[in-house]
Amino acid sequence: MNSAFILLSRKIYKSIAFLPTVLCLSFAAIAFLQLLFAAESTSSGGENNMLKITDKDTVIAVLTVVTGGIFTLTVFSYTMVMNVLNRSINNYSPRLLPVLLAERHHQVVLGITAGTIIHSLLLFLGVSNAESEAAVPPFAAVLSILFAVLCLGLFVYFVHRISQSIHINYLLRRSFDQTVDLLNDMIALQPQLNFKEKEEDFAYAYKSNAVGYLSDYRLNDLAKTMKKAGGKLKIRHIAGSFVQRDEVYFYSSVKLSDQQEKKVRDSLRISFEEPLQIFTVGFKHLTEVAVKACSPAINDPGTALTAIDYLTGLFRLHTKLAPHNCYTGKNGGEVYLNVCSFENLLHKCYAEMLVYMKNDPILRRALKVSSDKIRTACDEQNQSEYAAAVVKMKRQIENFSSEI
């Protein structure tokens, strides 16, 4: 029950609607408090009279103007967002859509503008039904005007951010930074990661009861569960891969109780959404942008070069992550992993780009330079296995054939 609650909490927190909803509820609470203490605020008298507006018609007029104006501003703002999203999907890759939607500042602007509308509407209803001026919140008009001014300032900021988001370099950088963070998280786990030639005998297989991407890989929770169960776990699928219903996707060396099996399934969640918290997905995004930029419809070799440069940086960082297939928890418990190897990841990215860049001498040269830089990083990290994979890929770049 606790794992399910944590999972639901994470899903809600990461939702696009979380921040706007919280902000809208906050503005609604402000409106209710104003209506609740309207009489008390009016009778308190004297000070700051110039900020108090208790004339019913004046307050209604102000609230009407603010509601209509901010509503129009909100519609216009998010028409711009849809145009940017449409441009990104058509020109670059639909995989970048979650990167844009996940930006918190867009959600904050939406929450404040929508909250201002809700605040003004609730006050409008309360003031319209007020029997006397004593029941009119004295600061309703002033607060609505202040919120409207805030929305105008946020609109200017929003236009600035949207103008940045149009540039593909900004999106590539966002995807790169996110992947770097995820890679660093895996590198930080290296004391608990190791490579074992011989695996245990996993006699018990467990099938998926859902269909989708294997998105959650909570290794520490899995290790704790298996320590209590007195056995070891093996994950059949690579993180981020697609799992079919009734397909085996993990094994255990001992039979798990219903509660232990549920904990394992909660830690290996299958979702319909593409898993952005797995670093190999970032490599795929940058590769897709580079490939689409080389298409005749887009014809943007500059973007392809930028994507290659970012991929080079990611592979150089990847050389710090040693080969592994097993995770050991801090307090015990072992989990065997199905990992996308450095060689496979390198081939998936560079072989696909080479197919589309074969006729462009500049881009083919960029791929060669990229492979040289990755090879240097492999040597610096004493990763001979990685270096051999890079040498193999460079030969394919130099001796390209349609068989790749």
Protein backbone atom coordinates (compact mmCIF):
# COMPACT_ATOMS: atom_id res chain seq x y z
CA MET A 1 0.00 0.00 0.00
CA ASN A 2 2.87 2.32 0.89
CA SER A 3 4.67 1.67 -2.45
CA ALA A 4 1.44 2.27 -4.39
CA PHE A 5 0.90 5.56 -2.53
CA ILE A 6 4.47 6.71 -3.24
CA LEU A 7 4.05 5.77 -6.91
CA LEU A 8 0.78 7.71 -7.16
CA SER A 9 2.34 10.70 -5.39
CA ARG A 10 5.24 10.78 -7.85
CA LYS A 11 2.89 10.52 -10.80
CA ILE A 12 0.75 13.41 -9.52
CA TYR A 13 3.78 15.57 -8.75
CA LYS A 14 5.27 15.05 -12.23
CA SER A 15 1.93 15.71 -13.92
CA ILE A 16 1.65 18.78 -16.13
CA ALA A 17 -1.52 19.77 -14.26
CA PHE A 18 -0.02 19.63 -10.74
CA LEU A 19 1.38 23.17 -10.42
CA PRO A 20 -1.52 24.91 -12.23
CA THR A 21 -4.00 23.09 -10.01
CA VAL A 22 -2.19 24.06 -6.80
CA LEU A 23 -1.98 27.69 -7.89
CA CYS A 24 -5.64 27.81 -8.94
CA LEU A 25 -6.73 26.40 -5.58
CA SER A 26 -4.57 28.98 -3.82
CA PHE A 27 -6.23 31.84 -5.70
CA ALA A 28 -9.66 30.35 -4.99
CA ALA A 29 -8.78 30.18 -1.28
CA ILE A 30 -7.79 33.87 -1.34
CA ALA A 31 -11.15 34.75 -2.88
CA PHE A 32 -13.09 32.74 -0.27
CA LEU A 33 -11.13 34.34 2.57
CA GLN A 34 -11.89 37.80 1.20
CA LEU A 35 -15.59 37.01 1.04
CA LEU A 36 -15.52 35.42 4.50
CA PHE A 37 -13.92 38.38 6.22
CA ALA A 38 -15.54 41.11 4.11
CA ALA A 39 -17.68 42.55 6.93
CA GLU A 40 -14.83 42.48 9.45
CA SER A 41 -12.42 44.20 7.05
CA THR A 42 -14.96 46.93 6.33
CA SER A 43 -15.69 47.64 9.98
CA SER A 44 -12.02 47.81 10.95
CA GLY A 45 -12.08 51.36 9.58
CA GLY A 46 -9.67 54.11 9.01
CA GLU A 47 -6.36 53.17 7.60
CA ASN A 48 -5.55 52.59 3.94
CA ASN A 49 -8.95 53.90 2.88
CA MET A 50 -7.63 54.77 -0.55
CA LEU A 51 -7.08 51.03 -1.18
CA LYS A 52 -10.56 50.08 -0.05
CA ILE A 53 -13.27 50.06 -2.69
CA THR A 54 -16.66 49.07 -1.30
CA ASP A 55 -18.90 50.49 -4.02
CA LYS A 56 -20.63 47.43 -5.42
CA ASP A 57 -20.92 48.66 -9.02
CA THR A 58 -17.27 49.75 -9.15
CA VAL A 59 -16.00 46.41 -7.82
CA ILE A 60 -18.18 44.48 -10.28
CA ALA A 61 -16.89 46.62 -13.16
CA VAL A 62 -13.25 46.02 -12.15
CA LEU A 63 -13.77 42.28 -11.75
CA THR A 64 -15.50 42.07 -15.13
CA VAL A 65 -12.65 43.87 -16.90
CA VAL A 66 -9.97 41.77 -15.19
CA THR A 67 -11.76 38.49 -15.94
CA GLY A 68 -12.30 39.29 -19.62
CA GLY A 69 -8.82 40.73 -20.13
CA ILE A 70 -6.88 37.94 -18.47
CA PHE A 71 -9.03 35.29 -20.16
CA THR A 72 -8.15 36.78 -23.56
CA LEU A 73 -4.47 36.96 -22.54
CA THR A 74 -4.50 33.31 -21.45
CA VAL A 75 -6.04 32.14 -24.72
CA PHE A 76 -3.50 34.13 -26.70
CA SER A 77 -0.58 32.84 -24.61
CA TYR A 78 -1.43 29.19 -25.04
CA THR A 79 -2.19 29.62 -28.71
CA MET A 80 1.49 30.55 -28.91
CA VAL A 81 2.41 27.39 -26.97
CA MET A 82 0.47 25.18 -29.38
CA ASN A 83 2.17 26.84 -32.34
CA VAL A 84 5.59 26.17 -30.79
CA LEU A 85 4.69 22.55 -30.03
CA ASN A 86 3.37 22.05 -33.56
CA ARG A 87 6.55 23.53 -35.03
CA SER A 88 8.73 21.29 -32.86
CA ILE A 89 6.81 18.17 -33.85
CA ASN A 90 6.82 18.97 -37.58
CA ASN A 91 10.41 20.20 -37.90
CA TYR A 92 12.34 18.17 -35.40
CA SER A 93 10.92 15.24 -33.45
CA PRO A 94 7.72 14.47 -31.53
CA ARG A 95 10.03 12.95 -28.89
CA LEU A 96 10.94 16.48 -27.80
CA LEU A 97 7.32 17.25 -26.90
CA PRO A 98 7.59 16.00 -23.29
CA VAL A 99 10.72 18.12 -22.82
CA LEU A 100 8.73 21.26 -23.60
CA LEU A 101 5.64 20.26 -21.64
CA ALA A 102 7.67 19.42 -18.54
CA GLU A 103 9.02 22.96 -18.16
CA ARG A 104 7.85 24.33 -14.83
CA HIS A 105 7.78 28.02 -15.76
CA HIS A 106 5.12 27.36 -18.42
CA GLN A 107 3.03 25.64 -15.75
CA VAL A 108 3.53 28.51 -13.28
CA VAL A 109 2.36 31.09 -15.81
CA LEU A 110 -0.68 28.97 -16.67
CA GLY A 111 -1.50 28.49 -12.97
CA ILE A 112 -1.29 32.19 -12.11
CA THR A 113 -3.31 33.38 -15.10
CA ALA A 114 -5.98 30.71 -14.60
CA GLY A 115 -5.94 31.42 -10.85
CA THR A 116 -6.52 35.13 -11.46
CA ILE A 117 -9.58 34.30 -13.57
CA ILE A 118 -10.94 31.95 -10.88
CA HIS A 119 -10.26 34.54 -8.16
CA SER A 120 -12.11 37.27 -10.06
CA LEU A 121 -15.04 35.00 -10.97
CA LEU A 122 -15.58 33.85 -7.39
CA LEU A 123 -15.43 37.42 -6.12
CA PHE A 124 -17.81 38.50 -8.88
CA LEU A 125 -20.34 35.90 -7.71
CA GLY A 126 -19.92 36.91 -4.08
CA VAL A 127 -20.18 40.64 -4.72
CA SER A 128 -23.16 40.23 -7.06
CA ASN A 129 -25.05 38.41 -4.32
CA ALA A 130 -24.03 40.85 -1.58
CA GLU A 131 -27.04 42.52 0.04
CA SER A 132 -25.14 45.64 1.15
CA GLU A 133 -21.83 47.41 0.66
CA ALA A 134 -20.71 46.11 4.06
CA ALA A 135 -20.59 42.60 2.57
CA VAL A 136 -18.36 43.71 -0.33
CA PRO A 137 -14.70 42.67 0.20
CA PRO A 138 -12.91 46.05 0.46
CA PHE A 139 -9.71 44.87 -1.25
CA ALA A 140 -11.36 42.76 -3.96
CA ALA A 141 -10.85 45.31 -6.73
CA VAL A 142 -7.30 46.23 -5.67
CA LEU A 143 -6.13 42.63 -5.43
CA SER A 144 -7.67 41.77 -8.79
CA ILE A 145 -5.88 44.72 -10.37
CA LEU A 146 -2.58 43.65 -8.78
CA PHE A 147 -3.03 40.09 -10.03
CA ALA A 148 -3.83 41.45 -13.50
CA VAL A 149 -0.61 43.51 -13.48
CA LEU A 150 1.30 40.39 -12.39
CA CYS A 151 -0.24 38.46 -15.28
CA LEU A 152 0.87 41.14 -17.73
CA GLY A 153 4.42 40.90 -16.41
CA LEU A 154 4.33 37.12 -16.67
CA PHE A 155 3.02 37.44 -20.22
CA VAL A 156 6.14 39.41 -21.21
CA TYR A 157 8.31 36.78 -19.51
CA PHE A 158 6.31 34.04 -21.20
CA VAL A 159 6.82 35.54 -24.67
CA HIS A 160 10.56 35.69 -23.95
CA ARG A 161 10.68 32.04 -22.90
CA ILE A 162 8.59 30.90 -25.86
CA SER A 163 10.88 32.77 -28.26
CA GLN A 164 13.76 30.77 -26.74
CA SER A 165 11.86 27.49 -26.94
CA ILE A 166 11.41 27.92 -30.70
CA HIS A 167 15.15 27.41 -31.19
CA ILE A 168 16.13 23.77 -31.58
CA ASN A 169 19.44 24.45 -29.84
CA TYR A 170 17.52 25.22 -26.66
CA LEU A 171 15.59 21.94 -26.87
CA LEU A 172 18.72 19.95 -27.63
CA ARG A 173 20.46 21.51 -24.65
CA ARG A 174 17.53 20.67 -22.39
CA SER A 175 17.55 17.05 -23.55
CA PHE A 176 21.35 16.91 -23.17
CA ASP A 177 21.32 18.33 -19.63
CA GLN A 178 18.59 15.94 -18.54
CA THR A 179 20.50 12.95 -19.93
CA VAL A 180 23.73 14.11 -18.27
CA ASP A 181 21.96 14.23 -14.90
CA LEU A 182 20.60 10.70 -15.38
CA LEU A 183 24.00 9.39 -16.45
CA ASN A 184 25.67 10.99 -13.44
CA ASP A 185 23.11 9.31 -11.20
CA MET A 186 24.10 5.93 -12.66
CA ILE A 187 27.82 6.73 -12.35
CA ALA A 188 27.25 7.58 -8.67
CA LEU A 189 25.87 4.04 -8.20
CA GLN A 190 29.06 2.38 -9.51
CA PRO A 191 30.21 1.12 -6.08
CA GLN A 192 27.04 -0.99 -6.06
CA LEU A 193 27.24 -2.06 -9.72
CA ASN A 194 29.37 -4.98 -10.84
CA PHE A 195 29.71 -7.50 -13.64
CA LYS A 196 29.16 -11.20 -12.97
CA GLU A 197 29.90 -13.83 -15.58
CA LYS A 198 27.86 -16.58 -13.93
CA GLU A 199 24.27 -15.92 -13.01
CA GLU A 200 22.12 -17.73 -10.50
CA ASP A 201 19.48 -20.29 -11.41
CA PHE A 202 16.25 -18.30 -11.71
CA ALA A 203 13.54 -20.91 -11.51
CA TYR A 204 10.48 -18.67 -11.08
CA ALA A 205 9.15 -16.51 -13.91
CA TYR A 206 6.62 -13.69 -13.56
CA LYS A 207 4.54 -12.32 -16.41
CA SER A 208 3.41 -8.80 -17.09
CA ASN A 209 -0.19 -7.90 -16.33
CA ALA A 210 0.00 -4.70 -18.40
CA VAL A 211 1.34 -3.48 -21.72
CA GLY A 212 3.69 -0.53 -22.15
CA TYR A 213 7.20 0.75 -21.45
CA LEU A 214 9.26 -0.53 -18.53
CA SER A 215 9.69 2.89 -16.99
CA ASP A 216 10.56 2.55 -13.29
CA TYR A 217 13.78 0.89 -12.18
CA ARG A 218 13.89 1.45 -8.43
CA LEU A 219 16.95 -0.71 -7.79
CA ASN A 220 17.30 -0.02 -4.07
CA ASP A 221 13.68 -1.04 -3.40
CA LEU A 222 14.15 -4.20 -5.46
CA ALA A 223 17.31 -5.12 -3.55
CA LYS A 224 15.53 -4.63 -0.19
CA THR A 225 12.64 -6.84 -1.30
CA MET A 226 14.94 -9.62 -2.50
CA LYS A 227 17.01 -9.50 0.67
CA LYS A 228 13.87 -10.12 2.74
CA ALA A 229 12.82 -12.86 0.30
CA GLY A 230 16.22 -14.54 0.62
CA GLY A 231 16.82 -14.73 -3.12
CA LYS A 232 17.93 -12.84 -6.19
CA LEU A 233 16.06 -11.12 -9.00
CA LYS A 234 16.70 -10.95 -12.73
CA ILE A 235 15.08 -8.32 -14.96
CA ARG A 236 14.53 -9.66 -18.44
CA HIS A 237 13.92 -6.40 -20.32
CA ILE A 238 16.15 -3.39 -20.85
CA ALA A 239 14.96 -0.25 -19.07
CA GLY A 240 12.72 1.73 -21.43
CA SER A 241 11.88 -1.24 -23.67
CA PHE A 242 8.33 -2.24 -24.53
CA VAL A 243 6.70 -5.07 -22.61
CA GLN A 244 3.75 -7.06 -23.96
CA ARG A 245 0.92 -8.35 -21.79
CA ASP A 246 1.49 -11.89 -20.44
CA GLU A 247 5.17 -11.67 -21.39
CA VAL A 248 7.74 -12.72 -18.78
CA TYR A 249 9.65 -9.66 -17.62
CA PHE A 250 11.38 -10.72 -14.42
CA TYR A 251 12.62 -13.89 -12.73
CA SER A 252 13.51 -14.80 -9.16
CA SER A 253 15.64 -17.53 -7.62
CA VAL A 254 13.03 -18.14 -4.89
CA LYS A 255 9.27 -18.12 -4.93
CA LEU A 256 7.94 -14.70 -3.94
CA SER A 257 4.94 -14.18 -1.69
CA ASP A 258 2.03 -12.15 -3.04
CA GLN A 259 3.19 -9.10 -1.09
CA GLN A 260 6.79 -9.42 -2.27
CA GLU A 261 5.67 -9.89 -5.87
CA LYS A 262 3.54 -6.75 -5.63
CA LYS A 263 6.52 -4.76 -4.30
CA VAL A 264 8.66 -5.95 -7.20
CA ARG A 265 5.97 -5.01 -9.73
CA ASP A 266 5.61 -1.57 -8.13
CA SER A 267 9.37 -1.06 -8.50
CA LEU A 268 9.27 -2.24 -12.14
CA ARG A 269 6.32 -0.16 -13.24
CA ILE A 270 5.00 -0.50 -16.78
CA SER A 271 3.62 2.73 -18.22
CA PHE A 272 2.13 3.86 -21.53
CA GLU A 273 4.33 6.97 -21.45
CA GLU A 274 7.83 6.98 -22.87
CA PRO A 275 10.23 6.82 -19.87
CA LEU A 276 12.16 10.10 -19.75
CA GLN A 277 14.00 9.10 -16.56
CA ILE A 278 16.17 6.54 -18.38
CA PHE A 279 19.35 7.94 -19.90
CA THR A 280 19.27 5.84 -23.10
CA VAL A 281 16.07 7.67 -24.10
CA GLY A 282 18.04 10.94 -24.26
CA PHE A 283 20.49 9.36 -26.72
CA LYS A 284 17.54 8.27 -28.86
CA HIS A 285 16.00 11.75 -28.84
CA LEU A 286 19.20 13.43 -30.04
CA THR A 287 19.68 10.78 -32.73
CA GLU A 288 16.13 11.27 -34.04
CA VAL A 289 16.61 15.03 -34.22
CA ALA A 290 19.86 14.58 -36.18
CA VAL A 291 18.21 12.13 -38.58
CA LYS A 292 15.15 14.28 -39.21
CA ALA A 293 17.33 17.37 -39.74
CA CYS A 294 18.96 15.49 -42.63
CA SER A 295 15.66 14.79 -44.38
CA PRO A 296 14.99 16.65 -47.65
CA ALA A 297 11.94 18.34 -46.11
CA ILE A 298 13.91 19.92 -43.26
CA ASN A 299 17.42 20.09 -44.79
CA ASP A 300 19.09 21.51 -41.68
CA PRO A 301 22.65 20.14 -41.46
CA GLY A 302 23.51 22.71 -38.78
CA THR A 303 21.05 21.11 -36.37
CA ALA A 304 22.44 17.66 -37.25
CA LEU A 305 25.96 18.87 -36.41
CA THR A 306 24.76 20.23 -33.07
CA ALA A 307 23.04 16.94 -32.24
CA ILE A 308 26.24 15.03 -33.11
CA ASP A 309 28.25 17.31 -30.80
CA TYR A 310 25.85 16.69 -27.92
CA LEU A 311 25.86 12.94 -28.57
CA THR A 312 29.65 13.01 -28.51
CA GLY A 313 29.55 14.64 -25.07
CA LEU A 314 27.09 12.03 -23.80
CA PHE A 315 29.16 9.09 -25.05
CA ARG A 316 32.32 10.62 -23.54
CA LEU A 317 30.51 10.79 -20.21
CA HIS A 318 29.19 7.25 -20.70
CA THR A 319 32.77 5.94 -20.76
CA LYS A 320 32.89 6.65 -16.99
CA LEU A 321 30.16 4.05 -16.47
CA ALA A 322 31.83 0.64 -16.38
CA PRO A 323 30.12 -2.45 -17.84
CA HIS A 324 27.76 -4.03 -15.33
CA ASN A 325 24.92 -6.50 -15.10
CA CYS A 326 24.25 -6.70 -11.36
CA TYR A 327 23.21 -4.27 -8.63
CA THR A 328 23.90 -4.98 -4.95
CA GLY A 329 21.94 -3.04 -2.34
CA LYS A 330 23.74 -1.23 0.45
CA ASN A 331 22.24 -3.63 2.96
CA GLY A 332 22.33 -6.68 0.70
CA GLY A 333 20.10 -8.13 -1.98
CA GLU A 334 21.11 -8.63 -5.61
CA VAL A 335 19.32 -7.62 -8.80
CA TYR A 336 20.59 -8.79 -12.20
CA LEU A 337 20.00 -6.25 -14.96
CA ASN A 338 19.53 -6.43 -18.69
CA VAL A 339 21.60 -3.43 -19.74
CA CYS A 340 21.89 -1.76 -23.14
CA SER A 341 25.64 -2.12 -23.67
CA PHE A 342 27.89 0.72 -24.78
CA GLU A 343 28.49 -1.03 -28.12
CA ASN A 344 24.78 -1.52 -28.83
CA LEU A 345 23.94 2.06 -27.90
CA LEU A 346 26.77 3.37 -30.06
CA HIS A 347 25.62 1.27 -33.03
CA LYS A 348 21.97 2.28 -32.65
CA CYS A 349 22.86 5.98 -32.72
CA TYR A 350 25.68 6.17 -35.27
CA ALA A 351 24.54 3.50 -37.71
CA GLU A 352 21.13 5.18 -38.01
CA MET A 353 22.67 8.62 -38.52
CA LEU A 354 25.12 7.27 -41.08
CA VAL A 355 22.28 5.95 -43.25
CA TYR A 356 20.92 9.49 -43.62
CA MET A 357 24.25 11.35 -43.66
CA LYS A 358 26.13 9.16 -46.15
CA ASN A 359 25.89 11.71 -48.99
CA ASP A 360 26.96 14.73 -46.94
CA PRO A 361 30.76 14.93 -46.66
CA ILE A 362 30.64 17.46 -43.81
CA LEU A 363 28.35 15.34 -41.68
CA ARG A 364 30.31 12.16 -42.39
CA ARG A 365 33.46 13.94 -41.33
CA ALA A 366 31.67 15.11 -38.17
CA LEU A 367 30.86 11.48 -37.37
CA LYS A 368 34.51 10.51 -37.79
CA VAL A 369 35.68 13.35 -35.55
CA SER A 370 33.04 12.37 -33.01
CA SER A 371 34.26 8.74 -32.97
CA ASP A 372 37.85 9.93 -32.47
CA LYS A 373 36.83 12.02 -29.46
CA ILE A 374 34.90 9.12 -27.94
CA ARG A 375 37.87 6.80 -28.53
CA THR A 376 40.13 9.25 -26.67
CA ALA A 377 37.70 9.29 -23.74
CA CYS A 378 37.69 5.46 -23.72
CA ASP A 379 41.48 5.42 -23.50
CA GLU A 380 41.45 7.97 -20.67
CA GLN A 381 39.02 5.80 -18.70
CA ASN A 382 40.92 2.58 -19.58
CA GLN A 383 37.79 1.12 -21.18
CA SER A 384 39.33 -1.21 -23.77
CA GLU A 385 35.99 -2.89 -24.52
CA TYR A 386 34.39 0.48 -25.27
CA ALA A 387 37.39 1.53 -27.38
CA ALA A 388 37.07 -1.61 -29.51
CA ALA A 389 33.39 -0.81 -30.15
CA VAL A 390 34.30 2.74 -31.23
CA VAL A 391 37.02 1.47 -33.60
CA LYS A 392 34.52 -0.93 -35.14
CA MET A 393 32.00 1.86 -35.65
CA LYS A 394 34.63 4.15 -37.19
CA ARG A 395 35.45 1.46 -39.77
CA GLN A 396 31.77 1.32 -40.67
CA ILE A 397 31.73 5.09 -41.12
CA GLU A 398 34.79 4.95 -43.38
CA ASN A 399 33.65 1.92 -45.35
CA PHE A 400 29.93 2.56 -45.45
CA SER A 401 27.74 0.18 -47.36
CA SER A 402 24.00 -0.18 -47.74
CA GLU A 403 24.15 -3.33 -45.60
CA ILE A 404 24.41 -1.33 -42.36
